[in-house]
Protein backbone atom coordinates (compact mmCIF):
# COMPACT_ATOMS: atom_id res chain seq x y z
CA MET A 1 -52.00 -29.36 -17.61
CA PHE A 2 -49.78 -28.89 -21.14
CA LYS A 3 -48.46 -31.34 -23.52
CA HIS A 4 -46.00 -30.66 -26.39
CA GLU A 5 -46.69 -31.61 -29.83
CA LYS A 6 -43.88 -32.55 -31.85
CA GLN A 7 -44.92 -30.47 -34.84
CA LEU A 8 -44.40 -26.93 -34.97
CA PHE A 9 -47.69 -24.80 -35.01
CA HIS A 10 -46.56 -23.31 -38.33
CA ALA A 11 -44.08 -25.06 -40.55
CA VAL A 12 -40.45 -22.84 -40.39
CA GLN A 13 -37.98 -22.90 -43.09
CA ILE A 14 -35.24 -20.43 -44.26
CA GLU A 15 -33.41 -19.69 -47.82
CA GLY A 16 -30.03 -19.60 -45.91
CA PRO A 17 -28.24 -18.77 -42.55
CA ASN A 18 -27.98 -15.13 -41.73
CA PRO A 19 -26.49 -14.81 -38.21
CA GLN A 20 -27.16 -10.69 -38.07
CA TYR A 21 -30.53 -11.24 -38.66
CA ALA A 22 -31.07 -14.08 -35.99
CA ALA A 23 -29.69 -11.53 -33.52
CA LEU A 24 -32.42 -8.96 -34.49
CA LEU A 25 -35.28 -12.00 -34.08
CA GLN A 26 -33.59 -12.59 -30.60
CA GLU A 27 -36.12 -9.61 -29.82
CA GLN A 28 -39.36 -11.58 -30.22
CA LEU A 29 -37.70 -14.53 -28.17
CA GLY A 30 -36.49 -12.77 -24.98
CA GLY A 31 -37.65 -9.11 -25.16
CA ALA A 32 -40.32 -6.74 -23.66
CA ASN A 33 -42.50 -7.34 -26.56
CA GLY A 34 -41.79 -11.06 -27.42
CA GLU A 35 -43.31 -14.32 -27.50
CA LEU A 36 -42.02 -15.68 -23.83
CA LYS A 37 -43.31 -12.15 -22.27
CA ALA A 38 -46.89 -12.91 -23.76
CA ALA A 39 -47.27 -16.54 -22.56
CA MET A 40 -46.01 -15.52 -18.97
CA GLN A 41 -48.25 -12.55 -18.92
CA TYR A 42 -51.57 -13.99 -20.00
CA MET A 43 -51.24 -17.07 -18.09
CA SER A 44 -50.25 -15.10 -14.88
CA GLN A 45 -53.32 -12.97 -15.02
CA SER A 46 -55.69 -15.98 -15.84
CA PHE A 47 -55.13 -17.58 -12.16
CA ARG A 48 -57.55 -14.80 -10.46
CA ILE A 49 -60.38 -14.60 -13.42
CA LYS A 50 -63.49 -15.57 -12.35
CA ASP A 51 -65.21 -15.63 -15.91
CA GLN A 52 -64.43 -19.25 -17.18
CA GLU A 53 -64.86 -18.15 -21.10
CA ILE A 54 -62.43 -15.40 -20.40
CA LYS A 55 -60.09 -17.40 -18.42
CA ASP A 56 -59.92 -19.96 -20.92
CA LEU A 57 -59.20 -17.25 -23.70
CA PHE A 58 -56.12 -16.34 -21.76
CA LEU A 59 -54.79 -19.44 -21.14
CA ASP A 60 -55.51 -20.68 -24.93
CA ILE A 61 -53.66 -17.19 -26.15
CA ALA A 62 -50.94 -18.18 -23.69
CA ALA A 63 -50.56 -21.76 -24.91
CA GLU A 64 -50.20 -20.46 -28.77
CA GLU A 65 -47.62 -17.74 -27.57
CA LEU A 66 -45.62 -20.65 -26.52
CA GLY A 67 -45.78 -22.29 -29.85
CA HIS A 68 -45.09 -18.87 -31.49
CA MET A 69 -41.77 -18.96 -29.15
CA GLU A 70 -40.84 -22.49 -30.39
CA MET A 71 -41.30 -21.09 -33.92
CA VAL A 72 -38.97 -17.94 -33.24
CA ALA A 73 -36.43 -20.32 -31.52
CA THR A 74 -36.12 -22.74 -34.43
CA THR A 75 -35.89 -19.77 -36.81
CA ILE A 76 -33.27 -18.26 -34.82
CA ASN A 77 -31.57 -21.56 -34.73
CA LEU A 78 -31.39 -22.16 -38.15
CA LEU A 79 -30.49 -18.40 -39.17
CA ASN A 80 -27.45 -19.09 -37.03
CA GLY A 81 -26.15 -21.79 -38.81
CA HIS A 82 -23.58 -24.36 -37.75
CA ASP A 83 -20.30 -21.91 -36.98
CA VAL A 84 -19.77 -20.25 -34.27
CA ASN A 85 -18.21 -16.79 -35.94
CA TYR A 86 -19.29 -13.41 -33.86
CA ASN A 87 -17.53 -11.58 -36.99
CA LYS A 88 -20.93 -12.55 -38.93
CA VAL A 89 -22.87 -10.35 -36.47
CA ASP A 90 -22.02 -6.63 -37.06
CA VAL A 91 -24.31 -5.38 -34.14
CA GLY A 92 -26.35 -6.39 -31.37
CA GLU A 93 -26.28 -9.56 -29.32
CA VAL A 94 -23.21 -11.83 -29.55
CA GLU A 95 -23.93 -13.84 -26.59
CA THR A 96 -25.17 -16.50 -28.70
CA HIS A 97 -21.74 -17.04 -30.22
CA VAL A 98 -19.70 -16.51 -27.09
CA LEU A 99 -21.75 -18.24 -24.26
CA LEU A 100 -24.79 -20.30 -25.80
CA GLY A 101 -22.99 -22.10 -28.54
CA LEU A 102 -25.69 -20.70 -31.07
CA ASN A 103 -28.30 -21.86 -28.82
CA PRO A 104 -31.27 -19.41 -29.19
CA GLY A 105 -31.34 -17.62 -25.53
CA LEU A 106 -33.99 -15.85 -23.50
CA ILE A 107 -32.29 -12.68 -24.47
CA ASN A 108 -33.18 -9.52 -26.46
CA ALA A 109 -31.54 -8.35 -29.59
CA SER A 110 -28.96 -6.44 -27.32
CA GLY A 111 -28.10 -9.43 -25.35
CA TYR A 112 -30.15 -8.56 -22.30
CA SER A 113 -31.71 -11.38 -20.18
CA TRP A 114 -35.77 -11.56 -20.18
CA THR A 115 -36.81 -10.75 -17.08
CA GLY A 116 -40.29 -10.95 -15.26
CA ASP A 117 -40.66 -7.31 -14.88
CA TYR A 118 -41.86 -7.38 -18.60
CA VAL A 119 -44.90 -9.30 -17.34
CA THR A 120 -47.81 -6.94 -16.29
CA VAL A 121 -50.64 -8.25 -13.85
CA THR A 122 -52.98 -6.07 -12.02
CA GLY A 123 -55.73 -8.53 -10.57
CA ASP A 124 -58.45 -6.20 -12.64
CA LEU A 125 -59.81 -7.55 -15.69
CA CYS A 126 -60.42 -4.43 -17.56
CA ALA A 127 -56.74 -2.99 -16.88
CA ASP A 128 -55.40 -6.26 -17.78
CA LEU A 129 -57.11 -6.61 -21.01
CA LEU A 130 -56.32 -3.23 -21.74
CA SER A 131 -52.60 -4.10 -21.16
CA ASN A 132 -53.07 -7.19 -23.72
CA ILE A 133 -54.46 -5.35 -26.29
CA ALA A 134 -51.50 -2.99 -26.11
CA SER A 135 -48.98 -5.64 -25.69
CA GLU A 136 -50.47 -7.48 -29.03
CA GLN A 137 -50.20 -4.21 -30.90
CA ARG A 138 -46.43 -3.51 -29.86
CA ALA A 139 -45.61 -7.13 -30.76
CA LYS A 140 -47.25 -6.62 -34.07
CA VAL A 141 -45.16 -3.47 -34.62
CA VAL A 142 -42.14 -5.29 -33.88
CA TYR A 143 -42.79 -7.83 -36.56
CA GLU A 144 -43.53 -5.19 -38.85
CA TYR A 145 -40.14 -3.68 -38.62
CA LEU A 146 -38.62 -7.50 -38.67
CA TYR A 147 -40.60 -8.14 -41.97
CA ARG A 148 -39.02 -4.69 -43.57
CA GLN A 149 -35.73 -5.70 -42.67
CA ILE A 150 -35.07 -9.51 -44.65
CA ASN A 151 -35.28 -10.68 -47.98
CA ASP A 152 -35.47 -14.29 -47.19
CA LYS A 153 -38.87 -15.40 -48.32
CA LYS A 154 -39.51 -18.43 -46.19
CA VAL A 155 -38.53 -16.10 -43.29
CA LYS A 156 -41.08 -13.37 -44.56
CA GLU A 157 -43.48 -16.15 -44.39
CA THR A 158 -42.85 -17.21 -40.80
CA ILE A 159 -42.79 -13.41 -39.68
CA ASP A 160 -46.26 -12.64 -41.72
CA PHE A 161 -47.75 -15.80 -40.08
CA LEU A 162 -47.01 -14.64 -36.53
CA LEU A 163 -47.84 -10.92 -37.14
CA ASN A 164 -51.39 -11.70 -38.35
CA ARG A 165 -51.88 -14.15 -35.28
CA GLU A 166 -51.15 -10.97 -33.03
CA GLU A 167 -53.69 -9.18 -34.65
CA ALA A 168 -56.01 -12.30 -34.06
CA HIS A 169 -55.50 -11.96 -30.38
CA ASN A 170 -55.73 -8.33 -30.57
CA ALA A 171 -59.08 -8.80 -31.62
CA MET A 172 -60.05 -11.49 -29.24
CA PHE A 173 -58.88 -9.24 -26.30
CA ARG A 174 -61.12 -6.37 -27.50
CA GLU A 175 -64.19 -8.56 -27.74
CA ALA A 176 -63.28 -9.81 -24.17
CA PHE A 177 -62.70 -6.05 -23.25
CA ASN A 178 -66.39 -5.25 -24.80
CA LYS A 179 -67.97 -7.88 -22.68
CA VAL A 180 -66.64 -6.59 -19.24
CA GLN A 181 -66.02 -3.12 -19.78
CA ASP A 182 -68.50 -1.68 -17.29
CA THR A 183 -67.08 -3.94 -14.69
CA GLY A 184 -64.00 -3.51 -12.22
CA SER A 185 -61.78 -0.17 -12.63
CA ASN A 186 -63.77 0.85 -15.70
CA ARG A 187 -67.29 1.19 -13.54
CA ASP A 188 -68.30 4.63 -12.84
CA PHE A 189 -68.37 4.64 -9.22
CA GLY A 190 -66.48 6.95 -6.51
CA THR A 191 -65.95 9.76 -8.89
CA THR A 192 -67.09 13.39 -9.18
CA LYS A 193 -67.92 15.70 -12.00
CA ALA A 194 -64.12 16.27 -12.40
CA ALA A 195 -64.14 12.62 -14.12
CA LYS A 196 -66.52 14.16 -16.85
CA MET A 197 -64.50 17.13 -17.76
CA TYR A 198 -62.34 17.49 -20.44
CA PHE A 199 -59.91 20.49 -21.46
CA ASN A 200 -58.64 21.74 -24.84
CA MET A 201 -55.13 22.75 -23.56
CA SER A 202 -53.68 23.41 -27.24
CA GLU A 203 -54.74 27.12 -28.10
CA PRO A 204 -55.28 28.20 -30.84
CA SER A 205 -56.62 25.05 -32.27
CA PRO A 206 -59.64 23.52 -34.26
CA GLN A 207 -62.50 22.23 -31.87
CA SER A 208 -62.18 18.39 -31.83
CA ASP A 209 -64.58 15.87 -30.78
CA LEU A 210 -61.98 14.13 -28.84
CA HIS A 211 -62.11 16.63 -26.06
CA HIS A 212 -65.79 16.22 -25.54
CA VAL A 213 -68.39 13.74 -26.94
CA ASP A 214 -71.83 14.56 -24.91
CA GLY A 215 -69.65 15.00 -21.98
CA LYS A 216 -67.78 11.82 -22.34
CA PRO A 217 -64.56 10.49 -23.35
CA PRO A 218 -64.22 8.70 -26.67
CA ALA A 219 -65.87 5.12 -26.77
CA PHE A 220 -62.97 2.54 -27.25
CA ASN A 221 -63.42 0.49 -30.22
């Protein structure tokens, strides 16, 4: 069960309209590394998880991502202002101005529709956790790019908050992975000695610990 609380997860404000930047921010609403993708991925993955603590973690983060999606959409709405004028958007998506009446859409910065193909679910907890760690890292990178391209201090405050929550989620998924790292696809079964062989294919090159550590690959941290 879910319920909507009328206050935003974190207050959102802007210093002034900026339709061009609103088009960029669409990436985190309907893009491949955006908030809707994260919410749907973690929720979908949770359905088969037997460990109740980890299942709750996935659902809790999914619910928070929906709150982040609301924050991003609210920011986009404020940045778009009140006048439909595609001339204020030099590049990127213009669908907001010609199809949606400035309503934030489930599209990315280029105007492509959100798709379930963005969502990765394997049914293997280790694989899904590693996928989620990577997803949070990519989302953090996108927010870092967005942060560098806006001078609006209030928008930067919102992005800074979201960026840091991605880091928090990353840490939580890493902790969960460490708990189950010897299970599922990560177990050492059905393998031969070929699984312990590592080759330095860049010659000449200095010896590196990345190629072998007591016959084992580098540990995940």
